[in-house]
Amino acid sequence: MATRARASTGKRSTQARKTSRTAPKPRGLLERLAEGPVICAEGYLFEFERRGYLQAGAYVPEIVLERPDLVESLKICNLTNVSIQTTDGKAIIQSPIFPTLLIANRQDWLAAPQDTKCYVQFNPLVTACINHLTYRQFNYILYMEYTHRLSRWLYKRLAHNYVQASLIHPYTIKLSTILRDSGTHQSERGANNLREVKKALEELHRKRVLMQYETEILRGRYNRLVDAKYTLYPDMDFITEVKRANNRTLKLRNCTFHRI
């Protein structure tokens, strides 16, 4: 629960006014939430509450009692490993999305509500992103509305990497890069891969992420399809979204600098 300290009278009040002129006043949680999502240790609970799945309780969220399907999703993340490997196959890091998960059941909560709690520990990579402010704000609701998994991957890639999005600076990416980094199924027929990417790009166009896109087919011997180069032109809605994310990142870094 956030509280706001009151400035005392006399010398302390004068000193506080002088300090406020030299150093910017830290923004509160409500001000940060007004600009967009805020990632924190219990961020998934805020997301559930905002979507109407959760009713804030004193100790245990009502989602544990009323939405077992969402709790099941947390359990899946607890059992899903994230593994980063080098090109030679040696693992660098391997850890579940949620290494530690403590979810109370209804019986425990009804028997002793004050002693029953929930706990979720983030993956160390997520924690590192939060600590170093290397994560990016993006439209999570739009992300979940995509019907194609490849559409989600492309949208997230653009949101994370296309920080200079503008009409005069299109984004280019190759078919081979998409197939390699997205983990999507690769067909032996190049035409099938082209068709799947086209479905994803068309969906990004319908969602006003892309204004248009161009496809350049790269062929080799015997006119065989070797690769394809895509030039993506962002929609104004997406450009506005990227500018907001850039502005929020800058403000967060400035706040961190002043706290240090």
C-alpha atoms as a PDB file:
ATOM      1  CA  MET A   1       0.000   0.000   0.000  1.00  0.00           C
ATOM      2  CA  ALA A   2       1.585   3.268  -1.108  1.00  0.00           C
ATOM      3  CA  THR A   3       1.595   6.266   1.254  1.00  0.00           C
ATOM      4  CA  ARG A   4       2.527   9.874   0.526  1.00  0.00           C
ATOM      5  CA  ALA A   5       4.752  11.608   3.024  1.00  0.00           C
ATOM      6  CA  ARG A   6       3.702  15.098   4.105  1.00  0.00           C
ATOM      7  CA  ALA A   7       6.285  17.831   4.231  1.00  0.00           C
ATOM      8  CA  SER A   8       6.792  19.118   7.753  1.00  0.00           C
ATOM      9  CA  THR A   9       6.829  22.797   8.615  1.00  0.00           C
ATOM     10  CA  GLY A  10       9.840  24.977   9.414  1.00  0.00           C
ATOM     11  CA  LYS A  11      13.326  24.101   8.242  1.00  0.00           C
ATOM     12  CA  ARG A  12      12.394  20.648   6.962  1.00  0.00           C
ATOM     13  CA  SER A  13       9.741  22.176   4.685  1.00  0.00           C
ATOM     14  CA  THR A  14      12.205  24.723   3.297  1.00  0.00           C
ATOM     15  CA  GLN A  15      14.833  22.066   2.738  1.00  0.00           C
ATOM     16  CA  ALA A  16      12.308  19.833   0.958  1.00  0.00           C
ATOM     17  CA  ARG A  17      11.371  22.676  -1.401  1.00  0.00           C
ATOM     18  CA  LYS A  18      15.022  23.305  -2.238  1.00  0.00           C
ATOM     19  CA  THR A  19      15.595  19.624  -2.894  1.00  0.00           C
ATOM     20  CA  SER A  20      12.570  19.409  -5.198  1.00  0.00           C
ATOM     21  CA  ARG A  21      14.008  22.170  -7.381  1.00  0.00           C
ATOM     22  CA  THR A  22      17.243  20.304  -8.002  1.00  0.00           C
ATOM     23  CA  ALA A  23      16.045  16.709  -8.268  1.00  0.00           C
ATOM     24  CA  PRO A  24      12.897  15.525 -10.093  1.00  0.00           C
ATOM     25  CA  LYS A  25      10.165  14.074  -7.957  1.00  0.00           C
ATOM     26  CA  PRO A  26       9.928  10.283  -8.339  1.00  0.00           C
ATOM     27  CA  ARG A  27       6.721   9.189 -10.050  1.00  0.00           C
ATOM     28  CA  GLY A  28       4.327   7.038  -8.124  1.00  0.00           C
ATOM     29  CA  LEU A  29       2.939   3.685  -9.194  1.00  0.00           C
ATOM     30  CA  LEU A  30      -0.361   5.161 -10.375  1.00  0.00           C
ATOM     31  CA  GLU A  31       1.445   7.622 -12.639  1.00  0.00           C
ATOM     32  CA  ARG A  32       3.543   4.834 -14.148  1.00  0.00           C
ATOM     33  CA  LEU A  33       0.469   2.635 -14.662  1.00  0.00           C
ATOM     34  CA  ALA A  34      -1.253   5.501 -16.473  1.00  0.00           C
ATOM     35  CA  GLU A  35       1.485   5.402 -19.130  1.00  0.00           C
ATOM     36  CA  GLY A  36       1.286   1.662 -19.714  1.00  0.00           C
ATOM     37  CA  PRO A  37       1.915  -1.759 -18.147  1.00  0.00           C
ATOM     38  CA  VAL A  38       4.372  -1.964 -15.265  1.00  0.00           C
ATOM     39  CA  ILE A  39       6.309  -5.199 -14.838  1.00  0.00           C
ATOM     40  CA  CYS A  40       6.839  -6.210 -11.222  1.00  0.00           C
ATOM     41  CA  ALA A  41       7.122  -9.333  -9.119  1.00  0.00           C
ATOM     42  CA  GLU A  42       3.356  -9.809  -9.005  1.00  0.00           C
ATOM     43  CA  GLY A  43       2.685  -8.454 -12.485  1.00  0.00           C
ATOM     44  CA  TYR A  44       0.573 -11.414 -13.510  1.00  0.00           C
ATOM     45  CA  LEU A  45      -1.874 -10.636 -10.675  1.00  0.00           C
ATOM     46  CA  PHE A  46      -2.312  -7.029 -11.871  1.00  0.00           C
ATOM     47  CA  GLU A  47      -2.949  -8.327 -15.386  1.00  0.00           C
ATOM     48  CA  PHE A  48      -5.591 -10.760 -14.121  1.00  0.00           C
ATOM     49  CA  GLU A  49      -7.276  -8.028 -12.085  1.00  0.00           C
ATOM     50  CA  ARG A  50      -7.287  -5.574 -14.999  1.00  0.00           C
ATOM     51  CA  ARG A  51      -8.958  -8.168 -17.228  1.00  0.00           C
ATOM     52  CA  GLY A  52     -11.627  -8.842 -14.615  1.00  0.00           C
ATOM     53  CA  TYR A  53     -10.422 -12.308 -13.612  1.00  0.00           C
ATOM     54  CA  LEU A  54      -9.278 -11.328 -10.132  1.00  0.00           C
ATOM     55  CA  GLN A  55     -10.879  -9.633  -7.148  1.00  0.00           C
ATOM     56  CA  ALA A  56      -8.302  -8.126  -4.823  1.00  0.00           C
ATOM     57  CA  GLY A  57      -8.266  -9.907  -1.484  1.00  0.00           C
ATOM     58  CA  ALA A  58      -6.298  -9.458   1.702  1.00  0.00           C
ATOM     59  CA  TYR A  59      -3.962 -12.401   1.184  1.00  0.00           C
ATOM     60  CA  VAL A  60      -4.989 -14.866  -1.499  1.00  0.00           C
ATOM     61  CA  PRO A  61      -6.324 -13.692  -4.907  1.00  0.00           C
ATOM     62  CA  GLU A  62      -9.820 -14.848  -5.709  1.00  0.00           C
ATOM     63  CA  ILE A  63      -8.491 -16.100  -9.052  1.00  0.00           C
ATOM     64  CA  VAL A  64      -7.068 -19.101  -7.197  1.00  0.00           C
ATOM     65  CA  LEU A  65     -10.599 -20.018  -6.194  1.00  0.00           C
ATOM     66  CA  GLU A  66     -12.691 -18.958  -9.184  1.00  0.00           C
ATOM     67  CA  ARG A  67     -10.474 -19.334 -12.293  1.00  0.00           C
ATOM     68  CA  PRO A  68      -8.691 -22.679 -12.154  1.00  0.00           C
ATOM     69  CA  ASP A  69      -7.916 -22.457 -15.891  1.00  0.00           C
ATOM     70  CA  LEU A  70      -5.657 -19.455 -15.378  1.00  0.00           C
ATOM     71  CA  VAL A  71      -4.022 -21.074 -12.387  1.00  0.00           C
ATOM     72  CA  GLU A  72      -3.376 -24.071 -14.620  1.00  0.00           C
ATOM     73  CA  SER A  73      -1.511 -21.727 -16.979  1.00  0.00           C
ATOM     74  CA  LEU A  74       0.783 -20.714 -14.145  1.00  0.00           C
ATOM     75  CA  LYS A  75       1.445 -24.371 -13.431  1.00  0.00           C
ATOM     76  CA  ILE A  76       2.289 -24.986 -17.093  1.00  0.00           C
ATOM     77  CA  CYS A  77       4.817 -22.130 -16.956  1.00  0.00           C
ATOM     78  CA  ASN A  78       6.275 -23.721 -13.846  1.00  0.00           C
ATOM     79  CA  LEU A  79       6.847 -26.968 -15.758  1.00  0.00           C
ATOM     80  CA  THR A  80       8.083 -25.321 -18.985  1.00  0.00           C
ATOM     81  CA  ASN A  81      11.856 -24.944 -19.278  1.00  0.00           C
ATOM     82  CA  VAL A  82      13.659 -22.129 -21.062  1.00  0.00           C
ATOM     83  CA  SER A  83      17.000 -23.299 -22.457  1.00  0.00           C
ATOM     84  CA  ILE A  84      19.659 -21.172 -24.155  1.00  0.00           C
ATOM     85  CA  GLN A  85      22.370 -23.028 -26.029  1.00  0.00           C
ATOM     86  CA  THR A  86      25.417 -22.229 -28.095  1.00  0.00           C
ATOM     87  CA  THR A  87      25.735 -23.352 -31.698  1.00  0.00           C
ATOM     88  CA  ASP A  88      27.565 -26.504 -30.588  1.00  0.00           C
ATOM     89  CA  GLY A  89      24.589 -27.564 -28.450  1.00  0.00           C
ATOM     90  CA  LYS A  90      26.068 -26.858 -25.038  1.00  0.00           C
ATOM     91  CA  ALA A  91      23.491 -25.403 -22.649  1.00  0.00           C
ATOM     92  CA  ILE A  92      24.313 -22.013 -21.146  1.00  0.00           C
ATOM     93  CA  ILE A  93      21.239 -21.671 -18.954  1.00  0.00           C
ATOM     94  CA  GLN A  94      18.172 -23.778 -18.371  1.00  0.00           C
ATOM     95  CA  SER A  95      15.374 -22.853 -16.015  1.00  0.00           C
ATOM     96  CA  PRO A  96      11.544 -22.949 -15.843  1.00  0.00           C
ATOM     97  CA  ILE A  97       9.595 -19.819 -16.698  1.00  0.00           C
ATOM     98  CA  PHE A  98       8.452 -19.743 -13.063  1.00  0.00           C
ATOM     99  CA  PRO A  99      11.100 -21.719 -11.115  1.00  0.00           C
ATOM    100  CA  THR A 100       9.113 -21.574  -7.866  1.00  0.00           C
ATOM    101  CA  LEU A 101       5.328 -21.601  -7.705  1.00  0.00           C
ATOM    102  CA  LEU A 102       3.239 -21.658  -4.545  1.00  0.00           C
ATOM    103  CA  ILE A 103      -0.523 -21.761  -5.109  1.00  0.00           C
ATOM    104  CA  ALA A 104      -2.882 -22.283  -2.205  1.00  0.00           C
ATOM    105  CA  ASN A 105      -6.099 -24.247  -2.610  1.00  0.00           C
ATOM    106  CA  ARG A 106      -9.613 -23.299  -1.606  1.00  0.00           C
ATOM    107  CA  GLN A 107      -9.680 -25.477   1.479  1.00  0.00           C
ATOM    108  CA  ASP A 108      -6.538 -23.887   2.914  1.00  0.00           C
ATOM    109  CA  TRP A 109      -7.832 -20.398   2.261  1.00  0.00           C
ATOM    110  CA  LEU A 110     -11.204 -21.047   3.848  1.00  0.00           C
ATOM    111  CA  ALA A 111      -9.596 -22.681   6.881  1.00  0.00           C
ATOM    112  CA  ALA A 112      -6.925 -20.037   7.537  1.00  0.00           C
ATOM    113  CA  PRO A 113      -7.136 -17.043   5.165  1.00  0.00           C
ATOM    114  CA  GLN A 114      -4.529 -14.997   7.053  1.00  0.00           C
ATOM    115  CA  ASP A 115      -1.915 -17.742   6.889  1.00  0.00           C
ATOM    116  CA  THR A 116      -2.505 -18.750   3.256  1.00  0.00           C
ATOM    117  CA  LYS A 117      -0.411 -17.033   0.599  1.00  0.00           C
ATOM    118  CA  CYS A 118       0.663 -17.374  -3.032  1.00  0.00           C
ATOM    119  CA  TYR A 119       4.179 -16.974  -4.389  1.00  0.00           C
ATOM    120  CA  VAL A 120       5.637 -16.904  -7.911  1.00  0.00           C
ATOM    121  CA  GLN A 121       9.344 -16.575  -8.687  1.00  0.00           C
ATOM    122  CA  PHE A 122      10.353 -15.250 -12.108  1.00  0.00           C
ATOM    123  CA  ASN A 123      12.915 -16.792 -14.401  1.00  0.00           C
ATOM    124  CA  PRO A 124      16.359 -15.225 -13.748  1.00  0.00           C
ATOM    125  CA  LEU A 125      16.417 -13.884 -17.308  1.00  0.00           C
ATOM    126  CA  VAL A 126      13.178 -11.989 -16.646  1.00  0.00           C
ATOM    127  CA  THR A 127      14.558 -10.667 -13.367  1.00  0.00           C
ATOM    128  CA  ALA A 128      17.699  -9.481 -15.166  1.00  0.00           C
ATOM    129  CA  CYS A 129      15.571  -7.676 -17.780  1.00  0.00           C
ATOM    130  CA  ILE A 130      13.650  -5.882 -15.027  1.00  0.00           C
ATOM    131  CA  ASN A 131      16.787  -4.913 -13.116  1.00  0.00           C
ATOM    132  CA  HIS A 132      18.572  -3.600 -16.215  1.00  0.00           C
ATOM    133  CA  LEU A 133      15.458  -2.126 -17.899  1.00  0.00           C
ATOM    134  CA  THR A 134      16.048  -4.101 -21.084  1.00  0.00           C
ATOM    135  CA  TYR A 135      12.415  -5.126 -21.551  1.00  0.00           C
ATOM    136  CA  ARG A 136      10.056  -3.365 -23.950  1.00  0.00           C
ATOM    137  CA  GLN A 137       6.495  -2.209 -23.546  1.00  0.00           C
ATOM    138  CA  PHE A 138       4.087  -3.590 -26.141  1.00  0.00           C
ATOM    139  CA  ASN A 139       0.356  -4.103 -26.624  1.00  0.00           C
ATOM    140  CA  TYR A 140      -0.255  -7.374 -24.800  1.00  0.00           C
ATOM    141  CA  ILE A 141      -3.998  -7.406 -25.543  1.00  0.00           C
ATOM    142  CA  LEU A 142      -3.345  -7.104 -29.278  1.00  0.00           C
ATOM    143  CA  TYR A 143      -0.645  -9.757 -28.971  1.00  0.00           C
ATOM    144  CA  MET A 144      -3.124 -12.270 -27.547  1.00  0.00           C
ATOM    145  CA  GLU A 145      -5.717 -11.522 -30.253  1.00  0.00           C
ATOM    146  CA  TYR A 146      -3.613 -12.968 -33.078  1.00  0.00           C
ATOM    147  CA  THR A 147      -4.842 -16.276 -34.447  1.00  0.00           C
ATOM    148  CA  HIS A 148      -1.496 -17.374 -35.910  1.00  0.00           C
ATOM    149  CA  ARG A 149       1.441 -18.160 -33.639  1.00  0.00           C
ATOM    150  CA  LEU A 150       3.826 -16.741 -36.242  1.00  0.00           C
ATOM    151  CA  SER A 151       1.885 -13.470 -36.144  1.00  0.00           C
ATOM    152  CA  ARG A 152       2.541 -13.223 -32.408  1.00  0.00           C
ATOM    153  CA  TRP A 153       6.233 -13.864 -32.920  1.00  0.00           C
ATOM    154  CA  LEU A 154       6.558 -11.274 -35.686  1.00  0.00           C
ATOM    155  CA  TYR A 155       4.636  -8.658 -33.703  1.00  0.00           C
ATOM    156  CA  LYS A 156       6.785  -9.184 -30.625  1.00  0.00           C
ATOM    157  CA  ARG A 157       9.954  -9.076 -32.702  1.00  0.00           C
ATOM    158  CA  LEU A 158       8.912  -5.774 -34.206  1.00  0.00           C
ATOM    159  CA  ALA A 159       7.930  -4.349 -30.825  1.00  0.00           C
ATOM    160  CA  HIS A 160      11.292  -5.315 -29.319  1.00  0.00           C
ATOM    161  CA  ASN A 161      13.694  -4.570 -32.173  1.00  0.00           C
ATOM    162  CA  TYR A 162      12.011  -1.993 -34.401  1.00  0.00           C
ATOM    163  CA  VAL A 163      12.607   0.934 -32.011  1.00  0.00           C
ATOM    164  CA  GLN A 164      13.164   3.420 -34.874  1.00  0.00           C
ATOM    165  CA  ALA A 165       9.844   2.623 -36.555  1.00  0.00           C
ATOM    166  CA  SER A 166       8.829   5.290 -39.076  1.00  0.00           C
ATOM    167  CA  LEU A 167       7.476   5.607 -42.593  1.00  0.00           C
ATOM    168  CA  ILE A 168      10.910   6.422 -44.004  1.00  0.00           C
ATOM    169  CA  HIS A 169      12.719   3.626 -42.161  1.00  0.00           C
ATOM    170  CA  PRO A 170      11.094   0.284 -43.101  1.00  0.00           C
ATOM    171  CA  TYR A 171      12.040  -2.948 -41.377  1.00  0.00           C
ATOM    172  CA  THR A 172      13.664  -5.715 -43.419  1.00  0.00           C
ATOM    173  CA  ILE A 173      13.853  -9.389 -42.525  1.00  0.00           C
ATOM    174  CA  LYS A 174      14.512 -12.582 -44.479  1.00  0.00           C
ATOM    175  CA  LEU A 175      12.416 -15.715 -44.670  1.00  0.00           C
ATOM    176  CA  SER A 176      15.363 -17.785 -43.434  1.00  0.00           C
ATOM    177  CA  THR A 177      15.652 -15.559 -40.334  1.00  0.00           C
ATOM    178  CA  ILE A 178      11.968 -15.944 -39.559  1.00  0.00           C
ATOM    179  CA  LEU A 179      12.088 -19.720 -39.876  1.00  0.00           C
ATOM    180  CA  ARG A 180      15.282 -19.982 -37.836  1.00  0.00           C
ATOM    181  CA  ASP A 181      14.380 -17.686 -34.928  1.00  0.00           C
ATOM    182  CA  SER A 182      10.643 -18.276 -34.589  1.00  0.00           C
ATOM    183  CA  GLY A 183      10.867 -22.037 -34.146  1.00  0.00           C
ATOM    184  CA  THR A 184       7.970 -22.503 -36.545  1.00  0.00           C
ATOM    185  CA  HIS A 185       7.586 -25.671 -38.579  1.00  0.00           C
ATOM    186  CA  GLN A 186       9.736 -25.623 -41.705  1.00  0.00           C
ATOM    187  CA  SER A 187       8.285 -27.301 -44.742  1.00  0.00           C
ATOM    188  CA  GLU A 188      10.493 -28.920 -47.355  1.00  0.00           C
ATOM    189  CA  ARG A 189       8.591 -26.933 -49.961  1.00  0.00           C
ATOM    190  CA  GLY A 190       9.629 -23.284 -49.950  1.00  0.00           C
ATOM    191  CA  ALA A 191       6.229 -22.229 -51.265  1.00  0.00           C
ATOM    192  CA  ASN A 192       4.563 -23.566 -48.100  1.00  0.00           C
ATOM    193  CA  ASN A 193       6.890 -21.492 -45.902  1.00  0.00           C
ATOM    194  CA  LEU A 194       6.137 -18.416 -47.976  1.00  0.00           C
ATOM    195  CA  ARG A 195       2.421 -19.028 -47.594  1.00  0.00           C
ATOM    196  CA  GLU A 196       2.630 -19.272 -43.782  1.00  0.00           C
ATOM    197  CA  VAL A 197       4.629 -16.057 -43.497  1.00  0.00           C
ATOM    198  CA  LYS A 198       2.172 -14.319 -45.809  1.00  0.00           C
ATOM    199  CA  LYS A 199      -0.718 -15.306 -43.510  1.00  0.00           C
ATOM    200  CA  ALA A 200       1.099 -13.756 -40.564  1.00  0.00           C
ATOM    201  CA  LEU A 201       1.924 -10.557 -42.450  1.00  0.00           C
ATOM    202  CA  GLU A 202      -1.662 -10.199 -43.658  1.00  0.00           C
ATOM    203  CA  GLU A 203      -2.871 -10.495 -40.065  1.00  0.00           C
ATOM    204  CA  LEU A 204      -0.396  -7.809 -38.962  1.00  0.00           C
ATOM    205  CA  HIS A 205      -1.789  -5.638 -41.754  1.00  0.00           C
ATOM    206  CA  ARG A 206      -5.381  -6.175 -40.576  1.00  0.00           C
ATOM    207  CA  LYS A 207      -4.379  -5.287 -37.001  1.00  0.00           C
ATOM    208  CA  ARG A 208      -2.880  -1.983 -38.235  1.00  0.00           C
ATOM    209  CA  VAL A 209       0.663  -2.951 -37.317  1.00  0.00           C
ATOM    210  CA  LEU A 210       1.789  -2.873 -40.949  1.00  0.00           C
ATOM    211  CA  MET A 211       0.660  -0.376 -43.535  1.00  0.00           C
ATOM    212  CA  GLN A 212       2.033  -2.567 -46.313  1.00  0.00           C
ATOM    213  CA  TYR A 213       4.836  -4.987 -47.059  1.00  0.00           C
ATOM    214  CA  GLU A 214       6.906  -6.053 -50.051  1.00  0.00           C
ATOM    215  CA  THR A 215       8.286  -9.504 -50.848  1.00  0.00           C
ATOM    216  CA  GLU A 216      11.416 -10.075 -52.897  1.00  0.00           C
ATOM    217  CA  ILE A 217      11.903 -13.710 -53.899  1.00  0.00           C
ATOM    218  CA  LEU A 218      15.531 -14.847 -54.043  1.00  0.00           C
ATOM    219  CA  ARG A 219      16.058 -17.752 -56.424  1.00  0.00           C
ATOM    220  CA  GLY A 220      19.098 -19.850 -57.185  1.00  0.00           C
ATOM    221  CA  ARG A 221      19.989 -22.504 -59.713  1.00  0.00           C
ATOM    222  CA  TYR A 222      17.159 -23.880 -61.827  1.00  0.00           C
ATOM    223  CA  ASN A 223      14.948 -21.080 -60.521  1.00  0.00           C
ATOM    224  CA  ARG A 224      14.831 -22.805 -57.143  1.00  0.00           C
ATOM    225  CA  LEU A 225      13.564 -20.706 -54.240  1.00  0.00           C
ATOM    226  CA  VAL A 226      16.523 -19.990 -51.968  1.00  0.00           C
ATOM    227  CA  ASP A 227      15.177 -17.263 -49.684  1.00  0.00           C
ATOM    228  CA  ALA A 228      12.876 -14.247 -49.540  1.00  0.00           C
ATOM    229  CA  LYS A 229      13.405 -10.711 -48.320  1.00  0.00           C
ATOM    230  CA  TYR A 230      10.507  -8.848 -46.685  1.00  0.00           C
ATOM    231  CA  THR A 231      10.333  -5.066 -46.422  1.00  0.00           C
ATOM    232  CA  LEU A 232       7.793  -4.028 -43.781  1.00  0.00           C
ATOM    233  CA  TYR A 233       6.260  -0.533 -43.637  1.00  0.00           C
ATOM    234  CA  PRO A 234       4.712   0.261 -40.233  1.00  0.00           C
ATOM    235  CA  ASP A 235       1.234   1.625 -39.717  1.00  0.00           C
ATOM    236  CA  MET A 236       0.824   4.905 -37.840  1.00  0.00           C
ATOM    237  CA  ASP A 237      -0.834   3.040 -34.956  1.00  0.00           C
ATOM    238  CA  PHE A 238       2.274   0.925 -34.496  1.00  0.00           C
ATOM    239  CA  ILE A 239       4.578   3.942 -34.829  1.00  0.00           C
ATOM    240  CA  THR A 240       2.666   5.678 -32.031  1.00  0.00           C
ATOM    241  CA  GLU A 241       2.943   2.562 -29.900  1.00  0.00           C
ATOM    242  CA  VAL A 242       6.721   2.391 -30.422  1.00  0.00           C
ATOM    243  CA  LYS A 243       7.154   6.063 -29.543  1.00  0.00           C
ATOM    244  CA  ARG A 244       5.279   5.526 -26.289  1.00  0.00           C
ATOM    245  CA  ALA A 245       7.490   2.567 -25.467  1.00  0.00           C
ATOM    246  CA  ASN A 246      10.637   4.568 -26.235  1.00  0.00           C
ATOM    247  CA  ASN A 247       9.432   7.447 -24.090  1.00  0.00           C
ATOM    248  CA  ARG A 248       8.626   5.141 -21.186  1.00  0.00           C
ATOM    249  CA  THR A 249      12.026   3.447 -21.398  1.00  0.00           C
ATOM    250  CA  LEU A 250      13.744   6.835 -21.328  1.00  0.00           C
ATOM    251  CA  LYS A 251      11.761   7.946 -18.288  1.00  0.00           C
ATOM    252  CA  LEU A 252      12.506   4.717 -16.437  1.00  0.00           C
ATOM    253  CA  ARG A 253      16.222   5.071 -17.113  1.00  0.00           C
ATOM    254  CA  ASN A 254      16.179   8.693 -15.927  1.00  0.00           C
ATOM    255  CA  CYS A 255      14.362   7.715 -12.727  1.00  0.00           C
ATOM    256  CA  THR A 256      16.909   4.957 -12.098  1.00  0.00           C
ATOM    257  CA  PHE A 257      19.770   7.404 -12.664  1.00  0.00           C
ATOM    258  CA  HIS A 258      18.357   9.929 -10.181  1.00  0.00           C
ATOM    259  CA  ARG A 259      17.779   7.225  -7.548  1.00  0.00           C
ATOM    260  CA  ILE A 260      21.407   6.141  -7.862  1.00  0.00           C
END
